[in-house]
Amino acid sequence: MANDSIPAYSMNAELNLSLLYGIYDEMIIYIEDKKGVSIYESILDKLEIENIRVFPTEGKLRLINLFKEFKKDISAFENPCLFIADKDFEGFVETTMINDDNFLYLERYSIENYLVCERAGALFINGRLQKGKLECLKTLSFPTWLNNFDKDFEKLLYLFVTIQKLKIPVKNTKYKLRRFIDEETLKLDKTKLLSYFQEVYKIYKESVSTFSGQSLKSIYRETKIQVQTGYPEDRWVLIPGKQLFEAFYLHISSIVGQQPHYEDFINFVATNINTDQLFFIKERINFLRT
């Protein structure tokens, strides 16, 4: 069940959507998150891509299973389908990634990472403060803010990857950012971080027999080197997107003096971002349509 009242589609039913919309020359794009439909639709519109239907599959595992079913009889589909997956920590936690024209990984942790955009932020601030775009760009101070948050989040990022590598049964990337920050300074709170590190270690020690003698500290150090080597700069592209976007939202809120409605803010940003870094999606769609 998708929730308590709405039944989930079977995989056959989900794939049949592409057959149905194929009649209308519409291509189906399958994504992971049911809350990402409007985001993708806004982005595809900005990329000037037409005749597209976006359908959420509720998670990466279901997306992958749906893709596998699709590949069993790809000739049955009149129009191509594209399956878009979040990058997550692929390459660090899971090393085997799908290499197929109909399957596309984002180049950042999730679609929300692309919403953290200087242009959209400045436009939103200007709409509230009416100080002019150039002045709002200065006030936003986006490169400095992003660089500082990137550095601030580093240790937590390495811990998240380590947790997932070792499959420690503790909540990590699903937390809201507020779990880790001081809501006055909007910086990561050292006391909260220490508390979380201790929680992770406690659960690790309680389950240590399942980890084949792997040291939490040694895996953390290995992860740190691995991430720094792969991403010597701009590690923010690996920060869980919803947490990164929440930081951006709070930063903007502190500038305009109030917190806008969260969903409205997401919609505003999605329709005003710079899509240069998302052109690879358009290229793949065009390729599949040729």
Protein backbone atom coordinates (compact mmCIF):
# COMPACT_ATOMS: atom_id res chain seq x y z
CA MET A 1 0.00 0.00 0.00
CA ALA A 2 1.28 3.51 -0.83
CA ASN A 3 -0.48 4.77 2.28
CA ASP A 4 -3.46 3.76 4.43
CA SER A 5 -6.07 4.70 1.87
CA ILE A 6 -4.55 4.65 -1.63
CA PRO A 7 -3.50 1.29 -3.08
CA ALA A 8 -0.17 1.17 -4.89
CA TYR A 9 -0.03 0.25 -8.57
CA SER A 10 1.31 -3.20 -9.42
CA MET A 11 4.47 -3.19 -11.54
CA ASN A 12 2.48 -4.38 -14.53
CA ALA A 13 0.01 -1.53 -14.06
CA GLU A 14 2.83 0.99 -13.79
CA LEU A 15 4.45 -0.26 -16.99
CA ASN A 16 1.09 -0.30 -18.75
CA LEU A 17 0.96 3.45 -18.23
CA SER A 18 3.68 3.83 -20.84
CA LEU A 19 1.64 1.69 -23.24
CA LEU A 20 -1.42 3.83 -22.59
CA TYR A 21 0.34 7.16 -23.04
CA GLY A 22 2.26 5.81 -26.01
CA ILE A 23 -0.99 6.15 -27.92
CA TYR A 24 -0.65 9.90 -27.40
CA ASP A 25 3.07 9.91 -28.24
CA GLU A 26 3.90 10.64 -24.63
CA MET A 27 7.05 9.33 -23.04
CA ILE A 28 6.97 8.10 -19.44
CA ILE A 29 9.70 9.11 -17.02
CA TYR A 30 9.73 7.02 -13.85
CA ILE A 31 11.26 8.62 -10.75
CA GLU A 32 11.75 7.50 -7.16
CA ASP A 33 9.94 10.05 -5.04
CA LYS A 34 6.20 10.70 -5.21
CA LYS A 35 6.89 14.25 -3.99
CA GLY A 36 9.18 14.90 -6.93
CA VAL A 37 6.61 14.95 -9.73
CA SER A 38 6.03 18.71 -9.75
CA ILE A 39 9.78 19.34 -9.44
CA TYR A 40 10.58 17.20 -12.47
CA GLU A 41 7.68 18.64 -14.46
CA SER A 42 8.93 22.17 -13.78
CA ILE A 43 12.48 21.23 -14.76
CA LEU A 44 11.39 19.45 -17.95
CA ASP A 45 9.29 22.47 -18.87
CA LYS A 46 12.31 24.75 -18.42
CA LEU A 47 14.34 22.35 -20.55
CA GLU A 48 11.63 22.72 -23.23
CA ILE A 49 10.83 19.01 -23.29
CA GLU A 50 7.28 18.19 -24.37
CA ASN A 51 5.01 15.14 -24.38
CA ILE A 52 6.34 13.74 -21.12
CA ARG A 53 4.53 12.08 -18.22
CA VAL A 54 6.32 11.80 -14.87
CA PHE A 55 5.34 8.88 -12.67
CA PRO A 56 6.71 8.15 -9.16
CA THR A 57 7.53 4.59 -8.13
CA GLU A 58 8.05 5.17 -4.39
CA GLY A 59 11.68 4.24 -3.86
CA LYS A 60 14.84 3.17 -5.69
CA LEU A 61 14.34 -0.56 -5.19
CA ARG A 62 10.91 -0.44 -6.83
CA LEU A 63 12.29 1.78 -9.60
CA ILE A 64 15.02 -0.76 -10.33
CA ASN A 65 12.61 -3.70 -10.23
CA LEU A 66 10.27 -1.86 -12.57
CA PHE A 67 13.16 -1.17 -14.94
CA LYS A 68 14.08 -4.87 -14.96
CA GLU A 69 10.50 -5.79 -15.86
CA PHE A 70 10.56 -3.17 -18.62
CA LYS A 71 13.77 -4.63 -20.09
CA LYS A 72 12.27 -8.13 -20.29
CA ASP A 73 10.07 -7.05 -23.21
CA ILE A 74 11.21 -3.61 -24.31
CA SER A 75 9.85 -4.20 -27.83
CA ALA A 76 6.31 -4.07 -26.42
CA PHE A 77 6.64 -0.34 -25.77
CA GLU A 78 5.96 1.96 -28.68
CA ASN A 79 7.63 4.92 -27.00
CA PRO A 80 10.82 4.75 -24.93
CA CYS A 81 10.74 4.97 -21.14
CA LEU A 82 13.36 6.59 -18.96
CA PHE A 83 14.03 5.60 -15.35
CA ILE A 84 15.74 8.36 -13.33
CA ALA A 85 17.40 7.40 -10.05
CA ASP A 86 18.89 9.51 -7.29
CA LYS A 87 22.65 9.14 -7.09
CA ASP A 88 22.56 8.74 -3.30
CA PHE A 89 25.91 7.29 -2.17
CA GLU A 90 26.26 5.07 -5.24
CA GLY A 91 29.91 4.36 -5.87
CA PHE A 92 30.72 4.57 -2.16
CA VAL A 93 28.17 2.22 -0.61
CA GLU A 94 27.02 0.26 -3.65
CA THR A 95 29.64 -0.12 -6.36
CA THR A 96 27.47 -1.82 -9.00
CA MET A 97 25.45 0.71 -10.94
CA ILE A 98 23.05 0.10 -13.83
CA ASN A 99 24.56 0.99 -17.19
CA ASP A 100 21.72 1.25 -19.68
CA ASP A 101 20.34 3.89 -22.05
CA ASN A 102 16.92 3.70 -20.39
CA PHE A 103 18.31 4.15 -16.87
CA LEU A 104 19.82 7.46 -15.77
CA TYR A 105 21.45 8.42 -12.48
CA LEU A 106 21.41 12.02 -11.35
CA GLU A 107 24.88 13.53 -10.99
CA ARG A 108 24.08 14.76 -7.47
CA TYR A 109 22.63 13.01 -4.42
CA SER A 110 19.02 13.78 -5.40
CA ILE A 111 16.94 16.23 -7.40
CA GLU A 112 16.76 18.57 -4.38
CA ASN A 113 20.50 19.27 -4.68
CA TYR A 114 19.79 20.99 -8.00
CA LEU A 115 17.19 23.22 -6.34
CA VAL A 116 19.89 24.83 -4.22
CA CYS A 117 20.43 27.53 -6.80
CA GLU A 118 21.86 31.04 -6.56
CA ARG A 119 19.60 32.46 -9.27
CA ALA A 120 16.37 31.13 -7.76
CA GLY A 121 17.38 32.19 -4.26
CA ALA A 122 18.13 35.76 -5.32
CA LEU A 123 14.85 36.00 -7.24
CA PHE A 124 12.90 34.84 -4.20
CA ILE A 125 14.64 37.32 -1.92
CA ASN A 126 14.04 40.15 -4.37
CA GLY A 127 10.36 39.25 -4.51
CA ARG A 128 10.17 39.72 -0.75
CA LEU A 129 12.58 42.60 -0.16
CA GLN A 130 12.31 44.50 -3.47
CA LYS A 131 15.96 45.58 -3.36
CA GLY A 132 16.90 44.61 -6.90
CA LYS A 133 18.44 41.38 -8.13
CA LEU A 134 22.09 42.48 -7.88
CA GLU A 135 21.68 43.64 -4.28
CA CYS A 136 19.88 40.40 -3.42
CA LEU A 137 22.68 38.35 -4.95
CA LYS A 138 25.10 40.15 -2.62
CA THR A 139 22.84 39.59 0.36
CA LEU A 140 22.43 35.91 -0.46
CA SER A 141 26.23 35.50 -0.69
CA PHE A 142 25.59 32.08 -2.18
CA PRO A 143 29.14 30.82 -2.90
CA THR A 144 30.31 31.72 0.61
CA TRP A 145 27.24 30.24 2.28
CA LEU A 146 27.45 27.01 0.27
CA ASN A 147 31.17 26.61 0.86
CA ASN A 148 30.74 27.13 4.60
CA PHE A 149 27.88 24.65 4.80
CA ASP A 150 29.88 22.16 2.72
CA LYS A 151 32.72 22.28 5.26
CA ASP A 152 30.34 22.31 8.22
CA PHE A 153 28.58 19.14 7.06
CA GLU A 154 31.72 17.14 6.19
CA LYS A 155 32.00 14.94 9.29
CA LEU A 156 28.31 14.12 9.22
CA LEU A 157 28.54 13.21 5.53
CA TYR A 158 31.38 10.77 6.18
CA LEU A 159 29.43 9.24 9.05
CA PHE A 160 26.30 8.79 6.92
CA VAL A 161 28.30 6.97 4.24
CA THR A 162 29.97 4.82 6.91
CA ILE A 163 26.62 3.92 8.46
CA GLN A 164 25.31 2.78 5.11
CA LYS A 165 28.50 0.89 4.25
CA LEU A 166 28.27 -1.08 7.49
CA LYS A 167 24.46 -1.24 7.36
CA ILE A 168 24.24 -0.02 10.95
CA PRO A 169 20.54 0.02 11.86
CA VAL A 170 20.30 3.68 12.77
CA LYS A 171 18.41 6.50 11.06
CA ASN A 172 20.69 8.75 9.02
CA THR A 173 19.91 10.54 5.74
CA LYS A 174 16.16 10.50 6.45
CA TYR A 175 16.56 12.89 9.37
CA LYS A 176 15.48 16.49 8.96
CA LEU A 177 18.40 18.90 9.16
CA ARG A 178 16.98 20.35 12.38
CA ARG A 179 18.12 17.16 14.12
CA PHE A 180 21.71 18.39 13.77
CA ILE A 181 21.72 22.20 13.72
CA ASP A 182 21.46 25.11 16.10
CA GLU A 183 18.34 26.83 14.81
CA GLU A 184 19.62 30.26 15.87
CA THR A 185 23.01 30.14 14.14
CA LEU A 186 21.88 27.64 11.44
CA LYS A 187 25.22 25.87 11.89
CA LEU A 188 25.69 22.26 12.85
CA ASP A 189 25.44 21.96 16.62
CA LYS A 190 28.50 20.22 18.12
CA THR A 191 26.48 18.90 21.05
CA LYS A 192 23.84 17.40 18.76
CA LEU A 193 26.53 15.91 16.53
CA LEU A 194 28.35 14.37 19.49
CA SER A 195 25.08 12.91 20.72
CA TYR A 196 24.41 11.38 17.31
CA PHE A 197 27.94 9.99 16.93
CA GLN A 198 27.58 8.38 20.36
CA GLU A 199 24.19 6.91 19.38
CA VAL A 200 25.68 5.41 16.22
CA TYR A 201 28.64 3.96 18.11
CA LYS A 202 26.39 2.46 20.79
CA ILE A 203 24.22 0.70 18.20
CA TYR A 204 27.34 -0.43 16.33
CA LYS A 205 28.82 -1.95 19.51
CA GLU A 206 25.56 -3.71 20.34
CA SER A 207 25.54 -5.29 16.88
CA VAL A 208 29.29 -5.64 16.39
CA SER A 209 29.08 -9.40 15.78
CA THR A 210 27.25 -8.71 12.51
CA PHE A 211 30.05 -6.51 11.11
CA SER A 212 32.75 -9.21 10.72
CA GLY A 213 35.21 -7.37 12.91
CA GLN A 214 35.15 -4.16 10.87
CA SER A 215 36.18 -1.18 12.95
CA LEU A 216 33.81 1.78 12.86
CA LYS A 217 36.73 4.17 13.18
CA SER A 218 38.76 2.54 10.41
CA ILE A 219 35.81 2.44 8.01
CA TYR A 220 35.07 6.10 8.81
CA ARG A 221 38.68 7.05 7.99
CA GLU A 222 38.59 4.99 4.81
CA THR A 223 35.33 6.65 3.81
CA LYS A 224 36.73 10.12 4.46
CA ILE A 225 39.71 9.48 2.17
CA GLN A 226 37.48 7.89 -0.47
CA VAL A 227 35.04 10.81 -0.55
CA GLN A 228 37.76 13.46 -0.47
CA THR A 229 39.59 11.74 -3.32
CA GLY A 230 36.45 11.44 -5.43
CA TYR A 231 35.25 14.94 -4.56
CA PRO A 232 38.20 17.18 -3.66
CA GLU A 233 35.81 20.14 -3.91
CA ASP A 234 32.05 20.66 -3.85
CA ARG A 235 31.21 17.74 -1.60
CA TRP A 236 27.80 19.38 -1.16
CA VAL A 237 26.62 17.47 -4.25
CA LEU A 238 26.76 14.35 -2.02
CA ILE A 239 24.92 15.89 0.93
CA PRO A 240 21.45 14.31 1.19
CA GLY A 241 19.34 16.61 -0.96
CA LYS A 242 16.45 17.19 1.41
CA GLN A 243 18.87 18.17 4.19
CA LEU A 244 20.83 20.48 1.89
CA PHE A 245 17.65 22.07 0.59
CA GLU A 246 16.39 22.57 4.13
CA ALA A 247 19.61 24.45 4.92
CA PHE A 248 19.05 26.63 1.84
CA TYR A 249 15.44 27.26 2.86
CA LEU A 250 16.49 28.30 6.37
CA HIS A 251 19.23 30.56 4.99
CA ILE A 252 16.75 32.31 2.69
CA SER A 253 14.22 32.55 5.54
CA SER A 254 16.78 34.27 7.77
CA ILE A 255 17.36 36.88 5.05
CA VAL A 256 13.69 37.66 4.32
CA GLY A 257 12.75 37.61 8.01
CA GLN A 258 10.16 34.80 7.94
CA GLN A 259 9.77 31.22 6.84
CA PRO A 260 7.73 30.93 3.65
CA HIS A 261 5.42 27.96 3.14
CA TYR A 262 7.82 25.10 2.45
CA GLU A 263 6.00 23.54 -0.52
CA ASP A 264 5.44 26.95 -2.11
CA PHE A 265 9.15 27.68 -1.76
CA ILE A 266 10.04 24.37 -3.44
CA ASN A 267 7.68 25.14 -6.32
CA PHE A 268 9.09 28.65 -6.73
CA VAL A 269 12.67 27.41 -6.81
CA ALA A 270 11.88 24.53 -9.18
CA THR A 271 10.40 26.95 -11.72
CA ASN A 272 13.27 29.44 -11.43
CA ILE A 273 16.48 27.42 -11.19
CA ASN A 274 19.30 27.55 -13.69
CA THR A 275 18.91 24.26 -15.58
CA ASP A 276 22.39 24.19 -17.17
CA GLN A 277 23.47 21.40 -14.81
CA LEU A 278 20.41 19.34 -15.77
CA PHE A 279 20.88 19.41 -19.54
CA PHE A 280 22.13 15.80 -19.40
CA ILE A 281 18.51 14.73 -18.81
CA LYS A 282 17.40 16.46 -22.01
CA GLU A 283 20.28 14.86 -23.91
CA ARG A 284 19.25 11.38 -22.76
CA ILE A 285 15.58 11.97 -23.62
CA ASN A 286 16.50 13.24 -27.09
CA PHE A 287 18.78 10.26 -27.61
CA LEU A 288 16.01 7.81 -26.69
CA ARG A 289 13.59 9.55 -29.04
CA THR A 290 15.86 9.35 -32.09
